[in-house]
PDB file of all heavy atoms in Angstrom:
ATOM      1  N   ALA A   1       0.834  -1.207   0.000  1.00  0.00           N
ATOM      2  CA  ALA A   1       0.000   0.000   0.000  1.00  0.00           C
ATOM      3  C   ALA A   1       0.869   1.259   0.000  1.00  0.00           C
ATOM      4  O   ALA A   1       1.936   1.296   0.607  1.00  0.00           O
ATOM      5  CB  ALA A   1      -0.914   0.007   1.221  1.00  0.00           C
ATOM      6  N   SER A   2       0.403   2.289  -0.685  1.00  0.00           N
ATOM      7  CA  SER A   2       1.078   3.582  -0.664  1.00  0.00           C
ATOM      8  C   SER A   2       0.091   4.651  -1.097  1.00  0.00           C
ATOM      9  O   SER A   2      -0.973   4.356  -1.645  1.00  0.00           O
ATOM     10  CB  SER A   2       2.306   3.589  -1.582  1.00  0.00           C
ATOM     11  OG  SER A   2       1.922   3.414  -2.936  1.00  0.00           O
ATOM     12  N   ALA A   3       0.457   5.900  -0.836  1.00  0.00           N
ATOM     13  CA  ALA A   3      -0.401   7.013  -1.235  1.00  0.00           C
ATOM     14  C   ALA A   3       0.488   8.201  -1.586  1.00  0.00           C
ATOM     15  O   ALA A   3       1.595   8.335  -1.069  1.00  0.00           O
ATOM     16  CB  ALA A   3      -1.363   7.390  -0.113  1.00  0.00           C
ATOM     17  N   ARG A   4      -0.006   9.036  -2.472  1.00  0.00           N
ATOM     18  CA  ARG A   4       0.753  10.199  -2.935  1.00  0.00           C
ATOM     19  C   ARG A   4      -0.002  11.486  -2.618  1.00  0.00           C
ATOM     20  O   ARG A   4      -1.222  11.484  -2.486  1.00  0.00           O
ATOM     21  CB  ARG A   4       0.995  10.117  -4.447  1.00  0.00           C
ATOM     22  CG  ARG A   4       1.814   8.905  -4.883  1.00  0.00           C
ATOM     23  CD  ARG A   4       1.876   8.809  -6.396  1.00  0.00           C
ATOM     24  NE  ARG A   4       2.550   7.617  -6.847  1.00  0.00           N
ATOM     25  CZ  ARG A   4       3.826   7.567  -7.241  1.00  0.00           C
ATOM     26  NH1 ARG A   4       4.553   8.675  -7.234  1.00  0.00           N
ATOM     27  NH2 ARG A   4       4.377   6.434  -7.639  1.00  0.00           N
ATOM     28  N   ALA A   5       0.757  12.554  -2.516  1.00  0.00           N
ATOM     29  CA  ALA A   5       0.193  13.908  -2.400  1.00  0.00           C
ATOM     30  C   ALA A   5       1.147  14.795  -3.179  1.00  0.00           C
ATOM     31  O   ALA A   5       2.110  15.320  -2.638  1.00  0.00           O
ATOM     32  CB  ALA A   5       0.102  14.334  -0.943  1.00  0.00           C
ATOM     33  N   GLN A   6       0.884  14.939  -4.461  1.00  0.00           N
ATOM     34  CA  GLN A   6       1.823  15.638  -5.330  1.00  0.00           C
ATOM     35  C   GLN A   6       1.509  17.127  -5.440  1.00  0.00           C
ATOM     36  O   GLN A   6       0.354  17.535  -5.348  1.00  0.00           O
ATOM     37  CB  GLN A   6       1.826  14.994  -6.716  1.00  0.00           C
ATOM     38  CG  GLN A   6       2.415  13.591  -6.725  1.00  0.00           C
ATOM     39  CD  GLN A   6       2.459  12.984  -8.101  1.00  0.00           C
ATOM     40  OE1 GLN A   6       1.426  12.846  -8.757  1.00  0.00           O
ATOM     41  NE2 GLN A   6       3.650  12.609  -8.547  1.00  0.00           N
ATOM     42  N   GLY A   7       2.534  17.910  -5.659  1.00  0.00           N
ATOM     43  CA  GLY A   7       2.363  19.345  -5.837  1.00  0.00           C
ATOM     44  C   GLY A   7       3.508  20.112  -5.205  1.00  0.00           C
ATOM     45  O   GLY A   7       4.340  19.534  -4.486  1.00  0.00           O
ATOM     46  N   PRO A   8       3.586  21.416  -5.463  1.00  0.00           N
ATOM     47  CA  PRO A   8       4.630  22.246  -4.857  1.00  0.00           C
ATOM     48  C   PRO A   8       4.559  22.173  -3.340  1.00  0.00           C
ATOM     49  O   PRO A   8       3.471  22.231  -2.760  1.00  0.00           O
ATOM     50  CB  PRO A   8       4.298  23.654  -5.361  1.00  0.00           C
ATOM     51  CG  PRO A   8       3.478  23.437  -6.596  1.00  0.00           C
ATOM     52  CD  PRO A   8       2.696  22.182  -6.350  1.00  0.00           C
ATOM     53  N   ILE A   9       5.693  22.045  -2.699  1.00  0.00           N
ATOM     54  CA  ILE A   9       5.702  21.842  -1.251  1.00  0.00           C
ATOM     55  C   ILE A   9       5.036  22.990  -0.502  1.00  0.00           C
ATOM     56  O   ILE A   9       4.409  22.798   0.541  1.00  0.00           O
ATOM     57  CB  ILE A   9       7.142  21.599  -0.755  1.00  0.00           C
ATOM     58  CG1 ILE A   9       7.121  21.014   0.658  1.00  0.00           C
ATOM     59  CG2 ILE A   9       7.986  22.875  -0.837  1.00  0.00           C
ATOM     60  CD1 ILE A   9       8.433  20.404   1.079  1.00  0.00           C
ATOM     61  N   ALA A  10       5.124  24.199  -1.049  1.00  0.00           N
ATOM     62  CA  ALA A  10       4.517  25.361  -0.390  1.00  0.00           C
ATOM     63  C   ALA A  10       3.001  25.352  -0.479  1.00  0.00           C
ATOM     64  O   ALA A  10       2.333  26.121   0.226  1.00  0.00           O
ATOM     65  CB  ALA A  10       5.057  26.653  -1.001  1.00  0.00           C
ATOM     66  N   GLU A  11       2.456  24.481  -1.324  1.00  0.00           N
ATOM     67  CA  GLU A  11       1.013  24.465  -1.543  1.00  0.00           C
ATOM     68  C   GLU A  11       0.340  23.175  -1.074  1.00  0.00           C
ATOM     69  O   GLU A  11      -0.881  23.032  -1.183  1.00  0.00           O
ATOM     70  CB  GLU A  11       0.720  24.672  -3.034  1.00  0.00           C
ATOM     71  CG  GLU A  11       1.249  25.996  -3.576  1.00  0.00           C
ATOM     72  CD  GLU A  11       1.088  26.115  -5.079  1.00  0.00           C
ATOM     73  OE1 GLU A  11       0.348  25.298  -5.664  1.00  0.00           O
ATOM     74  OE2 GLU A  11       1.705  27.024  -5.676  1.00  0.00           O
ATOM     75  N   LEU A  12       1.100  22.237  -0.550  1.00  0.00           N
ATOM     76  CA  LEU A  12       0.529  20.953  -0.155  1.00  0.00           C
ATOM     77  C   LEU A  12      -0.394  21.100   1.057  1.00  0.00           C
ATOM     78  O   LEU A  12      -0.079  21.829   2.003  1.00  0.00           O
ATOM     79  CB  LEU A  12       1.634  19.951   0.168  1.00  0.00           C
ATOM     80  CG  LEU A  12       2.427  19.406  -1.018  1.00  0.00           C
ATOM     81  CD1 LEU A  12       3.598  18.569  -0.523  1.00  0.00           C
ATOM     82  CD2 LEU A  12       1.534  18.574  -1.939  1.00  0.00           C
ATOM     83  N   ASP A  13      -1.500  20.382   1.031  1.00  0.00           N
ATOM     84  CA  ASP A  13      -2.434  20.360   2.145  1.00  0.00           C
ATOM     85  C   ASP A  13      -1.892  19.436   3.243  1.00  0.00           C
ATOM     86  O   ASP A  13      -1.605  18.265   2.985  1.00  0.00           O
ATOM     87  CB  ASP A  13      -3.801  19.848   1.674  1.00  0.00           C
ATOM     88  CG  ASP A  13      -4.758  19.662   2.819  1.00  0.00           C
ATOM     89  OD1 ASP A  13      -5.115  20.655   3.470  1.00  0.00           O
ATOM     90  OD2 ASP A  13      -5.139  18.490   3.077  1.00  0.00           O
ATOM     91  N   PRO A  14      -1.727  19.923   4.468  1.00  0.00           N
ATOM     92  CA  PRO A  14      -1.133  19.104   5.525  1.00  0.00           C
ATOM     93  C   PRO A  14      -1.855  17.795   5.786  1.00  0.00           C
ATOM     94  O   PRO A  14      -1.216  16.758   6.019  1.00  0.00           O
ATOM     95  CB  PRO A  14      -1.185  20.023   6.758  1.00  0.00           C
ATOM     96  CG  PRO A  14      -1.154  21.401   6.187  1.00  0.00           C
ATOM     97  CD  PRO A  14      -1.948  21.308   4.909  1.00  0.00           C
ATOM     98  N   GLU A  15      -3.179  17.793   5.755  1.00  0.00           N
ATOM     99  CA  GLU A  15      -3.911  16.559   6.037  1.00  0.00           C
ATOM    100  C   GLU A  15      -3.737  15.534   4.919  1.00  0.00           C
ATOM    101  O   GLU A  15      -3.684  14.336   5.171  1.00  0.00           O
ATOM    102  CB  GLU A  15      -5.395  16.859   6.270  1.00  0.00           C
ATOM    103  CG  GLU A  15      -5.670  17.522   7.594  1.00  0.00           C
ATOM    104  CD  GLU A  15      -5.095  16.734   8.768  1.00  0.00           C
ATOM    105  OE1 GLU A  15      -5.310  15.497   8.822  1.00  0.00           O
ATOM    106  OE2 GLU A  15      -4.416  17.343   9.622  1.00  0.00           O
ATOM    107  N   THR A  16      -3.642  16.013   3.685  1.00  0.00           N
ATOM    108  CA  THR A  16      -3.400  15.103   2.574  1.00  0.00           C
ATOM    109  C   THR A  16      -2.018  14.478   2.701  1.00  0.00           C
ATOM    110  O   THR A  16      -1.829  13.280   2.451  1.00  0.00           O
ATOM    111  CB  THR A  16      -3.524  15.846   1.239  1.00  0.00           C
ATOM    112  OG1 THR A  16      -4.813  16.442   1.149  1.00  0.00           O
ATOM    113  CG2 THR A  16      -3.339  14.890   0.062  1.00  0.00           C
ATOM    114  N   VAL A  17      -1.042  15.280   3.108  1.00  0.00           N
ATOM    115  CA  VAL A  17       0.308  14.767   3.325  1.00  0.00           C
ATOM    116  C   VAL A  17       0.327  13.784   4.486  1.00  0.00           C
ATOM    117  O   VAL A  17       0.954  12.721   4.416  1.00  0.00           O
ATOM    118  CB  VAL A  17       1.293  15.930   3.578  1.00  0.00           C
ATOM    119  CG1 VAL A  17       2.665  15.396   3.988  1.00  0.00           C
ATOM    120  CG2 VAL A  17       1.414  16.795   2.334  1.00  0.00           C
ATOM    121  N   ARG A  18      -0.372  14.126   5.565  1.00  0.00           N
ATOM    122  CA  ARG A  18      -0.440  13.225   6.717  1.00  0.00           C
ATOM    123  C   ARG A  18      -0.978  11.849   6.299  1.00  0.00           C
ATOM    124  O   ARG A  18      -0.451  10.801   6.693  1.00  0.00           O
ATOM    125  CB  ARG A  18      -1.334  13.823   7.806  1.00  0.00           C
ATOM    126  CG  ARG A  18      -1.318  13.011   9.119  1.00  0.00           C
ATOM    127  CD  ARG A  18      -2.499  13.409   9.994  1.00  0.00           C
ATOM    128  NE  ARG A  18      -2.489  14.819  10.326  1.00  0.00           N
ATOM    129  CZ  ARG A  18      -1.842  15.348  11.359  1.00  0.00           C
ATOM    130  NH1 ARG A  18      -1.142  14.572  12.154  1.00  0.00           N
ATOM    131  NH2 ARG A  18      -1.901  16.651  11.592  1.00  0.00           N
ATOM    132  N   ASN A  19      -2.032  11.852   5.503  1.00  0.00           N
ATOM    133  CA  ASN A  19      -2.622  10.593   5.054  1.00  0.00           C
ATOM    134  C   ASN A  19      -1.650   9.811   4.167  1.00  0.00           C
ATOM    135  O   ASN A  19      -1.535   8.586   4.290  1.00  0.00           O
ATOM    136  CB  ASN A  19      -3.911  10.853   4.285  1.00  0.00           C
ATOM    137  CG  ASN A  19      -4.522   9.583   3.742  1.00  0.00           C
ATOM    138  OD1 ASN A  19      -5.031   8.750   4.484  1.00  0.00           O
ATOM    139  ND2 ASN A  19      -4.464   9.392   2.426  1.00  0.00           N
ATOM    140  N   ALA A  20      -0.954  10.517   3.267  1.00  0.00           N
ATOM    141  CA  ALA A  20      -0.012   9.842   2.375  1.00  0.00           C
ATOM    142  C   ALA A  20       1.090   9.147   3.165  1.00  0.00           C
ATOM    143  O   ALA A  20       1.457   7.995   2.879  1.00  0.00           O
ATOM    144  CB  ALA A  20       0.590  10.834   1.385  1.00  0.00           C
ATOM    145  N   ILE A  21       1.623   9.837   4.167  1.00  0.00           N
ATOM    146  CA  ILE A  21       2.671   9.239   4.993  1.00  0.00           C
ATOM    147  C   ILE A  21       2.112   8.083   5.817  1.00  0.00           C
ATOM    148  O   ILE A  21       2.770   7.044   5.995  1.00  0.00           O
ATOM    149  CB  ILE A  21       3.313  10.302   5.895  1.00  0.00           C
ATOM    150  CG1 ILE A  21       4.011  11.371   5.050  1.00  0.00           C
ATOM    151  CG2 ILE A  21       4.304   9.666   6.867  1.00  0.00           C
ATOM    152  CD1 ILE A  21       4.503  12.565   5.846  1.00  0.00           C
ATOM    153  N   ALA A  22       0.894   8.247   6.307  1.00  0.00           N
ATOM    154  CA  ALA A  22       0.274   7.184   7.106  1.00  0.00           C
ATOM    155  C   ALA A  22       0.106   5.906   6.300  1.00  0.00           C
ATOM    156  O   ALA A  22       0.396   4.805   6.779  1.00  0.00           O
ATOM    157  CB  ALA A  22      -1.082   7.651   7.634  1.00  0.00           C
ATOM    158  N   VAL A  23      -0.351   6.033   5.060  1.00  0.00           N
ATOM    159  CA  VAL A  23      -0.560   4.841   4.234  1.00  0.00           C
ATOM    160  C   VAL A  23       0.775   4.208   3.850  1.00  0.00           C
ATOM    161  O   VAL A  23       0.963   2.989   3.975  1.00  0.00           O
ATOM    162  CB  VAL A  23      -1.372   5.193   2.970  1.00  0.00           C
ATOM    163  CG1 VAL A  23      -1.454   3.990   2.034  1.00  0.00           C
ATOM    164  CG2 VAL A  23      -2.774   5.660   3.345  1.00  0.00           C
ATOM    165  N   SER A  24       1.722   5.014   3.385  1.00  0.00           N
ATOM    166  CA  SER A  24       2.987   4.468   2.908  1.00  0.00           C
ATOM    167  C   SER A  24       3.856   3.908   4.023  1.00  0.00           C
ATOM    168  O   SER A  24       4.541   2.904   3.823  1.00  0.00           O
ATOM    169  CB  SER A  24       3.776   5.547   2.152  1.00  0.00           C
ATOM    170  OG  SER A  24       3.128   5.912   0.957  1.00  0.00           O
ATOM    171  N   ALA A  25       3.846   4.545   5.200  1.00  0.00           N
ATOM    172  CA  ALA A  25       4.790   4.170   6.249  1.00  0.00           C
ATOM    173  C   ALA A  25       4.136   3.617   7.514  1.00  0.00           C
ATOM    174  O   ALA A  25       4.482   2.518   7.953  1.00  0.00           O
ATOM    175  CB  ALA A  25       5.648   5.377   6.613  1.00  0.00           C
TER     176      ALA A  25
END
């Protein structure tokens, strides 16, 4: 399982990033 949250780092949504890290790691 893995998840992505692509886009410029200055524009990434924190909750989307949190979920991506949760799924992948």
